Amino acid sequence: MAFMHAASSECLRSELDLWIIPPTQTALESTHWVPYKPLTTLDSSNTVEFSIPGVGHEYIDPAHTLLYVKAKIVKADGTDIVANDQNDAAPVNYALHALWSQVDVSLNQKVISHSSMTYAYRAYIESLMNYDASAKKSHMTQRMWYEDTPGHFDSLDGRENLGLAWRRSRTSNSRQFELMGPLHIDFFNQDHFLLNNVELRIKLIRNRDAFTLMSTAGTERIKLLDATLYIRKVAISPSVMLGHAQALEKSPAKYPVNRVDIKTVTITQGLRDKNLDNLFMNQLPQRIIIGFVDNRAFNGDYARNGFNFQHFDINYLSLMVDGHPVPSQPLTPDFGNGLYMESYNTLFCGTGIHWKDEGNNISYSDYPGGNTLFCFDLSPDLSASEPHWNLQKQGTLRLELKFAAPLAQPINCIVYAEFQNLIEIDKHRNVVVDYNV
């Protein structure tokens, strides 16, 4: 005999639903990408600025914005490099985003982005942590993502550093190269359309050539030849636009964003321990990612890779959130003896891919060779990667560090933090944010 549980209900297999057809989308009538050129010539300043007017009845889809750049590497005097020069200059990894130190975004002249001059680090960390090998070897090569060989991030020898060899093959001898990809911006990392009649303005500030390039000569620079911002505009049905207008009379449109803030702290030479107090005060982040780079590379040095996250023989890391340690026991890696499993595991349990059929293409042996990052999910339900919100908490964040030996050179501690925030636009197209810019 067959029985059904009293608490269960009957169901029908979808294969037997022979009279059901898919729903029809009617809100979006058409879509197209519109190219925008910079407001000024590329040689006139170290900034590239775009203005996208909001006039008309079309909405803007920020999530599908693309930046296109054409450039070449030239000598200090602007002349082309030729084969006889035997020049070894090449861009660092993720060249599309290493080009920029800061990206400012404003809506109707209201700035909604932070000015920390660490945009390149934000873009690199997000891509390193969130994409697997298949993505990094396919569409991310549009942005010139070719990973440096672990342990050889600072090497200019293409036989040792295979990623640099690939990047050099696309850029050597002043060969023109193209880059294309999305921007790592809070507002562009959400899927809500931007209302019409809101001007979107984006200003990209150039990074130092000594940061973007690696070379023996140390005098080359990147010359921008072209830049285009592709904006997806969407025609909305009149009934939906009328509904939005009526809803705006009652309350503003809401754009939940995953806001990113990056703090950098210099740790001086000779120290063996360092306490970083009040890294973030008031609103506490949902996620923290911590890494260390050589201070010379951070400030721009043709001989050093600014994305070389080294361990510097750290043997103690304790994150204190309002006086409570996260995790409950400090991390105590021993890199000298190859014992750093708990630290390596944070790359997965702190980024939402723990026990999933996903990854970040960083193996255990690759971790200490330039990929040493420490990730912590601070949300109560380990949901920093999920779309729902958690209760906003106020407090302080403290970081305690110890090293096995005195630091041989100054280093920079880079702290990447994610917050849950809200941007609102009212019927008069006034923009309000619930965080300090």
Protein backbone atom coordinates (compact mmCIF):
# COMPACT_ATOMS: atom_id res chain seq x y z
CA MET A 1 0.00 0.00 0.00
CA ALA A 2 1.04 3.61 -0.57
CA PHE A 3 0.43 6.40 1.91
CA MET A 4 0.83 10.18 1.86
CA HIS A 5 2.07 12.11 4.88
CA ALA A 6 -0.69 14.07 6.60
CA ALA A 7 1.38 17.29 6.46
CA SER A 8 2.15 16.95 2.75
CA SER A 9 0.09 18.31 -0.16
CA GLU A 10 -0.47 16.95 -3.63
CA CYS A 11 1.51 18.35 -6.55
CA LEU A 12 1.69 17.97 -10.31
CA ARG A 13 4.83 17.54 -12.37
CA SER A 14 5.55 20.45 -14.70
CA GLU A 15 5.84 17.98 -17.56
CA LEU A 16 2.06 17.42 -17.23
CA ASP A 17 1.18 21.14 -17.24
CA LEU A 18 0.16 21.06 -20.89
CA TRP A 19 -2.01 24.21 -20.86
CA ILE A 20 0.44 26.66 -19.22
CA ILE A 21 2.63 29.02 -21.27
CA PRO A 22 5.37 31.38 -19.99
CA PRO A 23 4.37 34.86 -18.77
CA THR A 24 4.88 37.78 -21.16
CA GLN A 25 7.03 40.79 -20.26
CA THR A 26 5.29 44.03 -21.33
CA ALA A 27 6.95 46.71 -19.18
CA LEU A 28 10.05 47.17 -21.38
CA GLU A 29 9.32 48.16 -24.97
CA SER A 30 12.85 48.41 -26.36
CA THR A 31 16.48 48.81 -25.37
CA HIS A 32 19.69 50.10 -26.94
CA TRP A 33 23.25 51.02 -25.98
CA VAL A 34 24.26 54.65 -26.42
CA PRO A 35 27.98 55.55 -26.69
CA TYR A 36 29.20 58.65 -24.82
CA LYS A 37 32.54 60.37 -25.31
CA PRO A 38 34.53 62.26 -22.63
CA LEU A 39 33.71 65.91 -22.00
CA THR A 40 37.34 66.94 -22.66
CA THR A 41 40.21 65.62 -24.76
CA LEU A 42 42.14 62.72 -23.27
CA ASP A 43 45.45 64.63 -23.27
CA SER A 44 44.12 67.71 -21.49
CA SER A 45 44.12 66.32 -17.93
CA ASN A 46 44.46 63.23 -15.77
CA THR A 47 40.70 62.86 -15.54
CA VAL A 48 38.20 61.36 -17.97
CA GLU A 49 34.67 62.59 -17.36
CA PHE A 50 31.37 61.50 -18.88
CA SER A 51 27.98 63.18 -18.60
CA ILE A 52 24.82 61.23 -19.40
CA PRO A 53 21.77 63.52 -19.48
CA GLY A 54 18.55 62.11 -18.11
CA VAL A 55 16.17 63.94 -20.43
CA GLY A 56 13.44 62.05 -22.22
CA HIS A 57 11.29 59.11 -21.24
CA GLU A 58 13.99 56.43 -21.21
CA TYR A 59 15.44 54.89 -18.07
CA ILE A 60 19.11 53.96 -17.63
CA ASP A 61 20.27 50.45 -16.75
CA PRO A 62 23.41 51.04 -14.63
CA ALA A 63 24.24 47.34 -14.28
CA HIS A 64 25.00 46.99 -17.99
CA THR A 65 27.28 50.03 -18.32
CA LEU A 66 30.53 49.30 -20.18
CA LEU A 67 33.76 51.29 -20.41
CA TYR A 68 35.88 50.97 -23.57
CA VAL A 69 39.49 52.20 -23.64
CA LYS A 70 42.11 52.16 -26.40
CA ALA A 71 45.68 52.94 -25.33
CA LYS A 72 49.36 52.22 -25.86
CA ILE A 73 52.57 52.31 -23.83
CA VAL A 74 55.00 55.04 -24.88
CA LYS A 75 58.33 56.49 -23.76
CA ALA A 76 58.50 59.35 -21.29
CA ASP A 77 58.69 61.87 -24.16
CA GLY A 78 55.58 60.40 -25.79
CA THR A 79 57.33 58.69 -28.69
CA ASP A 80 56.65 55.08 -29.59
CA ILE A 81 58.73 52.19 -28.29
CA VAL A 82 60.35 50.13 -31.07
CA ALA A 83 61.79 46.62 -31.10
CA ASN A 84 65.40 47.87 -31.04
CA ASP A 85 64.73 49.53 -27.67
CA GLN A 86 64.40 46.06 -26.09
CA ASN A 87 61.88 47.54 -23.68
CA ASP A 88 60.22 45.20 -21.17
CA ALA A 89 57.34 47.43 -19.99
CA ALA A 90 53.97 45.77 -19.37
CA PRO A 91 50.80 46.65 -17.46
CA VAL A 92 49.98 45.11 -14.11
CA ASN A 93 47.06 42.72 -13.95
CA TYR A 94 43.50 43.98 -14.59
CA ALA A 95 44.75 46.94 -16.63
CA LEU A 96 41.29 48.36 -17.39
CA HIS A 97 40.84 49.16 -13.71
CA ALA A 98 44.48 49.61 -12.68
CA LEU A 99 44.37 52.72 -14.90
CA TRP A 100 42.19 54.55 -12.39
CA SER A 101 42.86 55.58 -8.81
CA GLN A 102 39.35 56.91 -8.21
CA VAL A 103 35.94 56.87 -9.89
CA ASP A 104 33.48 59.55 -8.77
CA VAL A 105 29.78 59.13 -9.49
CA SER A 106 27.07 61.76 -9.09
CA LEU A 107 23.32 61.81 -9.73
CA ASN A 108 21.90 65.27 -10.45
CA GLN A 109 25.13 66.75 -9.04
CA LYS A 110 24.80 64.76 -5.80
CA VAL A 111 27.99 62.76 -5.23
CA ILE A 112 27.15 59.19 -4.19
CA SER A 113 30.65 57.64 -4.17
CA HIS A 114 33.57 57.71 -1.73
CA SER A 115 36.86 59.41 -2.57
CA SER A 116 39.53 57.05 -1.26
CA MET A 117 41.93 56.88 -4.26
CA THR A 118 41.88 53.07 -3.96
CA TYR A 119 39.54 52.19 -6.83
CA ALA A 120 42.11 49.86 -8.42
CA TYR A 121 42.29 47.80 -5.22
CA ARG A 122 38.53 47.57 -4.96
CA ALA A 123 38.23 46.32 -8.54
CA TYR A 124 41.07 43.82 -8.16
CA ILE A 125 39.87 42.36 -4.85
CA GLU A 126 36.28 42.00 -6.06
CA SER A 127 37.36 40.23 -9.23
CA LEU A 128 39.94 38.02 -7.51
CA MET A 129 37.38 36.83 -4.96
CA ASN A 130 34.26 36.52 -7.12
CA TYR A 131 35.33 34.92 -10.41
CA ASP A 132 36.43 31.37 -11.09
CA ALA A 133 39.00 30.13 -13.61
CA SER A 134 36.54 29.86 -16.50
CA ALA A 135 35.61 33.56 -16.24
CA LYS A 136 39.19 34.71 -15.67
CA LYS A 137 40.33 32.86 -18.78
CA SER A 138 37.50 34.09 -21.02
CA HIS A 139 35.53 37.33 -20.76
CA MET A 140 37.81 38.88 -18.13
CA THR A 141 40.67 38.94 -20.63
CA GLN A 142 38.74 41.84 -22.21
CA ARG A 143 39.82 43.79 -19.13
CA MET A 144 43.35 42.32 -19.47
CA TRP A 145 43.05 39.90 -16.59
CA TYR A 146 46.06 37.60 -16.82
CA GLU A 147 47.01 36.36 -13.38
CA ASP A 148 50.59 36.76 -12.20
CA THR A 149 52.41 33.54 -11.39
CA PRO A 150 52.28 33.00 -7.59
CA GLY A 151 55.61 33.84 -6.00
CA HIS A 152 56.68 35.92 -9.02
CA PHE A 153 54.35 38.93 -8.92
CA ASP A 154 57.31 41.35 -8.97
CA SER A 155 59.21 39.51 -11.70
CA LEU A 156 59.69 41.12 -15.12
CA ASP A 157 60.89 37.81 -16.57
CA GLY A 158 58.10 36.40 -18.72
CA ARG A 159 59.45 32.88 -18.23
CA GLU A 160 58.76 33.20 -14.49
CA ASN A 161 55.68 35.42 -14.54
CA LEU A 162 53.37 34.00 -17.19
CA GLY A 163 50.61 36.55 -16.59
CA LEU A 164 53.00 39.42 -17.27
CA ALA A 165 54.17 37.65 -20.43
CA TRP A 166 50.59 37.51 -21.74
CA ARG A 167 50.01 41.18 -20.95
CA ARG A 168 53.31 42.13 -22.59
CA SER A 169 52.33 40.22 -25.74
CA ARG A 170 49.32 42.53 -26.13
CA THR A 171 51.13 45.80 -25.40
CA SER A 172 54.83 45.53 -26.39
CA ASN A 173 56.52 48.05 -28.70
CA SER A 174 53.72 50.62 -28.35
CA ARG A 175 51.18 48.24 -29.84
CA GLN A 176 47.68 49.65 -29.48
CA PHE A 177 45.49 47.60 -27.17
CA GLU A 178 41.81 47.64 -26.32
CA LEU A 179 40.09 47.14 -22.98
CA MET A 180 36.40 46.80 -22.22
CA GLY A 181 34.34 45.92 -19.17
CA PRO A 182 31.99 47.08 -16.41
CA LEU A 183 32.91 49.55 -13.69
CA HIS A 184 33.21 48.52 -10.04
CA ILE A 185 30.78 51.09 -8.64
CA ASP A 186 28.21 50.66 -5.87
CA PHE A 187 25.31 52.07 -7.88
CA PHE A 188 26.24 49.95 -10.91
CA ASN A 189 26.27 46.79 -8.81
CA GLN A 190 22.48 46.72 -8.40
CA ASP A 191 19.77 45.93 -10.93
CA HIS A 192 17.27 48.78 -10.44
CA PHE A 193 16.85 51.15 -13.40
CA LEU A 194 17.68 54.83 -12.94
CA LEU A 195 14.65 57.10 -13.30
CA ASN A 196 14.46 59.49 -16.24
CA ASN A 197 15.34 63.17 -15.76
CA VAL A 198 18.35 62.27 -13.58
CA GLU A 199 21.77 63.26 -14.93
CA LEU A 200 24.46 60.63 -14.41
CA ARG A 201 28.03 61.94 -14.26
CA ILE A 202 31.12 59.75 -13.99
CA LYS A 203 34.65 61.07 -13.44
CA LEU A 204 37.60 58.69 -13.70
CA ILE A 205 40.89 59.89 -12.21
CA ARG A 206 44.08 58.41 -13.70
CA ASN A 207 46.41 56.31 -11.59
CA ARG A 208 50.15 56.87 -11.51
CA ASP A 209 51.96 55.20 -14.39
CA ALA A 210 54.43 53.84 -11.83
CA PHE A 211 51.51 51.86 -10.36
CA THR A 212 49.88 50.79 -13.63
CA LEU A 213 53.11 49.69 -15.35
CA MET A 214 56.09 47.51 -14.50
CA SER A 215 59.42 47.95 -16.29
CA THR A 216 63.18 48.06 -15.88
CA ALA A 217 63.61 51.59 -17.27
CA GLY A 218 60.89 53.01 -15.04
CA THR A 219 60.01 55.94 -17.29
CA GLU A 220 57.24 54.66 -19.58
CA ARG A 221 53.68 55.88 -19.48
CA ILE A 222 50.29 54.87 -20.82
CA LYS A 223 48.81 57.12 -23.47
CA LEU A 224 45.03 57.01 -23.83
CA LEU A 225 43.90 57.08 -27.45
CA ASP A 226 40.16 56.64 -27.04
CA ALA A 227 37.55 56.21 -24.33
CA THR A 228 33.85 55.48 -24.68
CA LEU A 229 31.16 54.83 -22.09
CA TYR A 230 28.33 52.60 -23.31
CA ILE A 231 25.06 53.22 -21.49
CA ARG A 232 22.07 50.93 -21.88
CA LYS A 233 18.85 52.93 -22.17
CA VAL A 234 15.45 51.32 -21.85
CA ALA A 235 12.09 52.50 -23.21
CA ILE A 236 9.40 51.87 -20.60
CA SER A 237 5.73 51.33 -21.39
CA PRO A 238 3.51 54.39 -20.69
CA SER A 239 1.43 52.48 -18.15
CA VAL A 240 4.49 51.62 -16.06
CA MET A 241 5.82 55.19 -16.24
CA LEU A 242 2.43 56.47 -15.09
CA GLY A 243 2.47 54.01 -12.22
CA HIS A 244 5.96 55.16 -11.22
CA ALA A 245 4.87 58.82 -11.31
CA GLN A 246 1.93 58.06 -9.04
CA ALA A 247 4.10 56.04 -6.65
CA LEU A 248 6.67 58.86 -6.49
CA GLU A 249 3.94 61.18 -5.21
CA LYS A 250 3.75 58.99 -2.11
CA SER A 251 7.38 57.97 -1.53
CA PRO A 252 10.79 58.20 -3.23
CA ALA A 253 12.27 55.49 -5.43
CA LYS A 254 14.66 53.28 -3.47
CA TYR A 255 17.98 51.83 -4.61
CA PRO A 256 19.55 49.38 -2.13
CA VAL A 257 23.32 49.28 -2.70
CA ASN A 258 26.18 47.20 -1.42
CA ARG A 259 28.45 50.13 -0.54
CA VAL A 260 32.20 49.53 -0.48
CA ASP A 261 34.69 51.55 1.54
CA ILE A 262 38.44 50.92 1.64
CA LYS A 263 40.73 52.07 4.42
CA THR A 264 44.52 51.97 4.17
CA VAL A 265 46.94 52.17 7.10
CA THR A 266 50.73 52.36 6.84
CA ILE A 267 52.65 50.10 9.23
CA THR A 268 56.19 51.35 9.74
CA GLN A 269 59.40 49.40 9.28
CA GLY A 270 60.76 47.43 12.26
CA LEU A 271 57.43 46.75 13.97
CA ARG A 272 56.44 43.25 15.06
CA ASP A 273 52.92 44.07 16.19
CA LYS A 274 50.33 46.69 15.39
CA ASN A 275 46.83 47.47 16.68
CA LEU A 276 44.53 49.35 14.32
CA ASP A 277 41.79 50.95 16.40
CA ASN A 278 38.52 52.38 15.14
CA LEU A 279 38.99 51.21 11.56
CA PHE A 280 35.27 51.78 11.09
CA MET A 281 33.00 53.56 13.53
CA ASN A 282 29.23 53.96 13.64
CA GLN A 283 27.79 51.62 10.97
CA LEU A 284 29.49 48.22 11.04
CA PRO A 285 30.29 46.46 7.75
CA GLN A 286 28.77 43.17 6.60
CA ARG A 287 32.07 41.88 5.26
CA ILE A 288 35.77 42.65 5.73
CA ILE A 289 38.70 41.63 3.50
CA ILE A 290 42.23 42.38 4.73
CA GLY A 291 45.49 42.32 2.79
CA PHE A 292 49.03 43.72 2.95
CA VAL A 293 51.23 45.20 0.21
CA ASP A 294 54.68 46.77 0.12
CA ASN A 295 54.41 50.51 0.75
CA ARG A 296 56.62 51.25 -2.27
CA ALA A 297 54.34 49.24 -4.55
CA PHE A 298 51.26 50.92 -3.06
CA ASN A 299 52.65 54.37 -3.83
CA GLY A 300 53.79 53.38 -7.33
CA ASP A 301 57.05 51.64 -8.20
CA TYR A 302 57.85 50.32 -11.67
CA ALA A 303 59.81 47.45 -10.10
CA ARG A 304 57.01 46.26 -7.80
CA ASN A 305 53.49 44.98 -8.31
CA GLY A 306 50.87 46.88 -6.33
CA PHE A 307 48.59 43.82 -6.35
CA ASN A 308 51.17 41.56 -4.70
CA PHE A 309 49.35 40.72 -1.45
CA GLN A 310 52.14 39.26 0.67
CA HIS A 311 51.94 37.64 4.10
CA PHE A 312 55.05 39.36 5.54
CA ASP A 313 55.31 36.45 8.02
CA ILE A 314 52.17 37.47 9.86
CA ASN A 315 51.50 34.95 12.64
CA TYR A 316 48.57 36.53 14.49
CA LEU A 317 45.46 38.29 13.22
CA SER A 318 42.50 39.11 15.45
CA LEU A 319 39.47 41.08 14.30
CA MET A 320 37.46 42.64 17.14
CA VAL A 321 33.91 43.80 16.41
CA ASP A 322 32.60 45.82 19.36
CA GLY A 323 35.05 43.97 21.59
CA HIS A 324 34.04 40.51 20.34
CA PRO A 325 36.62 38.48 18.36
CA VAL A 326 35.67 37.30 14.86
CA PRO A 327 36.31 34.42 14.56
CA SER A 328 36.27 33.37 18.20
CA GLN A 329 39.93 32.34 17.99
CA PRO A 330 42.58 34.56 16.32
CA LEU A 331 44.19 33.35 13.12
CA THR A 332 47.73 32.12 13.81
CA PRO A 333 49.28 31.10 10.47
CA ASP A 334 52.83 29.82 10.21
CA PHE A 335 53.79 30.62 6.64
CA GLY A 336 57.41 29.63 7.19
CA ASN A 337 56.33 26.03 7.75
CA GLY A 338 53.46 26.02 5.26
CA LEU A 339 50.73 25.98 7.93
CA TYR A 340 47.99 28.45 7.06
CA MET A 341 44.85 26.36 6.45
CA GLU A 342 42.50 28.41 8.64
CA SER A 343 43.61 31.63 6.96
CA TYR A 344 43.20 30.10 3.50
CA ASN A 345 39.72 28.85 4.44
CA THR A 346 38.54 32.43 5.01
CA LEU A 347 38.67 32.91 1.21
CA PHE A 348 35.63 30.64 1.04
CA CYS A 349 33.70 30.90 4.31
CA GLY A 350 34.05 34.69 4.20
CA THR A 351 32.86 35.12 0.62
CA GLY A 352 29.76 32.94 0.46
CA ILE A 353 31.21 30.12 -1.68
CA HIS A 354 31.95 27.67 1.15
CA TRP A 355 30.97 24.09 0.15
CA LYS A 356 29.64 25.26 -3.22
CA ASP A 357 30.65 24.11 -6.68
CA GLU A 358 32.41 27.44 -7.17
CA GLY A 359 35.82 28.87 -6.53
CA ASN A 360 38.23 31.75 -7.07
CA ASN A 361 41.09 29.94 -8.84
CA ILE A 362 43.40 30.37 -5.82
CA SER A 363 44.88 27.05 -4.71
CA TYR A 364 46.35 26.33 -1.29
CA SER A 365 49.89 26.58 -2.67
CA ASP A 366 49.07 29.83 -4.52
CA TYR A 367 47.76 31.55 -1.39
CA PRO A 368 51.08 32.72 0.16
CA GLY A 369 52.60 33.74 -3.19
CA GLY A 370 50.77 37.04 -3.68
CA ASN A 371 47.17 36.07 -2.88
CA THR A 372 47.23 36.35 0.92
CA LEU A 373 43.88 37.87 1.84
CA PHE A 374 41.80 37.35 4.97
CA CYS A 375 38.01 37.44 4.50
CA PHE A 376 35.38 37.71 7.23
CA ASP A 377 31.58 37.61 6.90
CA LEU A 378 30.32 39.70 9.84
CA SER A 379 26.59 39.23 9.20
CA PRO A 380 24.70 37.24 11.88
CA ASP A 381 23.49 34.62 9.38
CA LEU A 382 26.61 34.58 7.15
CA SER A 383 24.60 36.25 4.40
CA ALA A 384 26.90 39.05 3.23
CA SER A 385 26.62 37.58 -0.28
CA GLU A 386 22.82 37.25 -0.15
CA PRO A 387 20.32 39.89 -1.37
CA HIS A 388 18.44 40.31 1.92
CA TRP A 389 19.41 42.86 4.56
CA ASN A 390 20.36 42.41 8.20
CA LEU A 391 19.84 44.68 11.17
CA GLN A 392 22.17 47.66 10.92
CA LYS A 393 24.54 47.70 13.86
CA GLN A 394 26.58 50.57 15.23
CA GLY A 395 29.95 50.03 16.83
CA THR A 396 33.70 49.95 16.30
CA LEU A 397 36.11 47.62 14.55
CA ARG A 398 39.63 46.88 15.78
CA LEU A 399 42.39 44.84 14.15
CA GLU A 400 45.30 43.29 16.06
CA LEU A 401 48.34 42.12 14.07
CA LYS A 402 51.58 40.36 14.96
CA PHE A 403 54.49 39.35 12.74
CA ALA A 404 57.09 36.61 13.23
CA ALA A 405 59.95 39.07 12.62
CA PRO A 406 60.31 42.87 12.51
CA LEU A 407 59.06 44.26 9.21
CA ALA A 408 61.94 44.78 6.78
CA GLN A 409 60.13 47.67 5.07
CA PRO A 410 56.98 49.76 5.57
CA ILE A 411 53.81 48.04 4.43
CA ASN A 412 50.24 49.11 3.82
CA CYS A 413 47.30 47.31 5.38
CA ILE A 414 44.34 47.47 2.99
CA VAL A 415 40.92 46.91 4.53
CA TYR A 416 38.02 46.36 2.13
CA ALA A 417 34.58 46.70 3.76
CA GLU A 418 31.01 46.20 2.50
CA PHE A 419 27.98 47.99 3.93
CA GLN A 420 24.25 47.79 3.22
CA ASN A 421 22.92 51.24 2.36
CA LEU A 422 20.15 53.03 0.51
CA ILE A 423 19.95 55.73 -2.18
CA GLU A 424 16.60 57.47 -2.68
CA ILE A 425 15.30 59.70 -5.49
CA ASP A 426 12.09 61.66 -4.97
CA LYS A 427 9.55 63.03 -7.45
CA HIS A 428 11.59 66.23 -7.89
CA ARG A 429 14.65 64.07 -8.68
CA ASN A 430 16.41 65.07 -5.48
CA VAL A 431 18.93 62.42 -4.43
CA VAL A 432 19.39 61.39 -0.78
CA VAL A 433 21.86 58.86 0.66
CA ASP A 434 21.92 57.37 4.18
CA TYR A 435 25.72 57.43 4.51
CA ASN A 436 28.52 59.97 4.58
CA VAL A 437 30.27 60.61 1.26
